[in-house]
Amino acid sequence: MYYFDRYLSFYSLFMNQIVDKFLSRTVWIWLPFYALYRLTKDFVNRG
């Protein structure tokens, strides 16, 4: 069980690094679209 916990901890650390690197490199692509989506959703809900 201890080996599995260490393996899972290493795997989650590795996956966090991959996701963090991906998000930091692609934030300029998806952030404006997400902001536009949130703004339009906010305007629709207010009106």
Protein backbone atom coordinates (compact mmCIF):
# COMPACT_ATOMS: atom_id res chain seq x y z
CA MET A 1 0.00 0.00 0.00
CA TYR A 2 2.85 2.39 0.79
CA TYR A 3 4.37 1.86 -2.65
CA PHE A 4 1.04 2.66 -4.31
CA ASP A 5 0.70 5.87 -2.29
CA ARG A 6 4.17 7.02 -3.29
CA TYR A 7 3.46 6.16 -6.93
CA LEU A 8 0.17 8.05 -6.84
CA SER A 9 1.83 11.05 -5.23
CA PHE A 10 4.55 11.10 -7.89
CA TYR A 11 2.00 10.68 -10.66
CA SER A 12 -0.18 13.54 -9.38
CA LEU A 13 2.88 15.80 -9.08
CA PHE A 14 3.87 14.94 -12.64
CA MET A 15 0.36 15.59 -13.95
CA ASN A 16 0.19 18.90 -12.09
CA GLN A 17 3.39 20.02 -13.77
CA ILE A 18 2.06 19.07 -17.20
CA VAL A 19 -1.25 20.85 -16.68
CA ASP A 20 0.42 23.92 -15.22
CA LYS A 21 2.85 24.16 -18.12
CA PHE A 22 0.04 23.72 -20.65
CA LEU A 23 -2.17 26.37 -19.06
CA SER A 24 0.63 28.89 -18.70
CA ARG A 25 1.61 28.48 -22.35
CA THR A 26 -1.94 28.66 -23.74
CA VAL A 27 -3.59 31.16 -21.41
CA TRP A 28 -3.39 33.95 -24.00
CA ILE A 29 -5.46 31.83 -26.40
CA TRP A 30 -8.35 30.69 -24.20
CA LEU A 31 -8.62 33.51 -21.67
CA PRO A 32 -10.19 36.13 -23.99
CA PHE A 33 -12.81 33.62 -25.16
CA TYR A 34 -13.61 32.64 -21.60
CA ALA A 35 -13.88 36.30 -20.57
CA LEU A 36 -16.22 37.02 -23.49
CA TYR A 37 -18.34 34.02 -22.55
CA ARG A 38 -18.60 35.20 -18.95
CA LEU A 39 -19.47 38.76 -19.97
CA THR A 40 -22.22 37.66 -22.34
CA LYS A 41 -23.58 35.28 -19.73
CA ASP A 42 -23.62 38.12 -17.19
CA PHE A 43 -25.40 40.50 -19.59
CA VAL A 44 -28.01 37.86 -20.47
CA ASN A 45 -28.73 37.12 -16.81
CA ARG A 46 -29.06 40.82 -15.91
CA GLY A 47 -31.34 41.69 -18.80
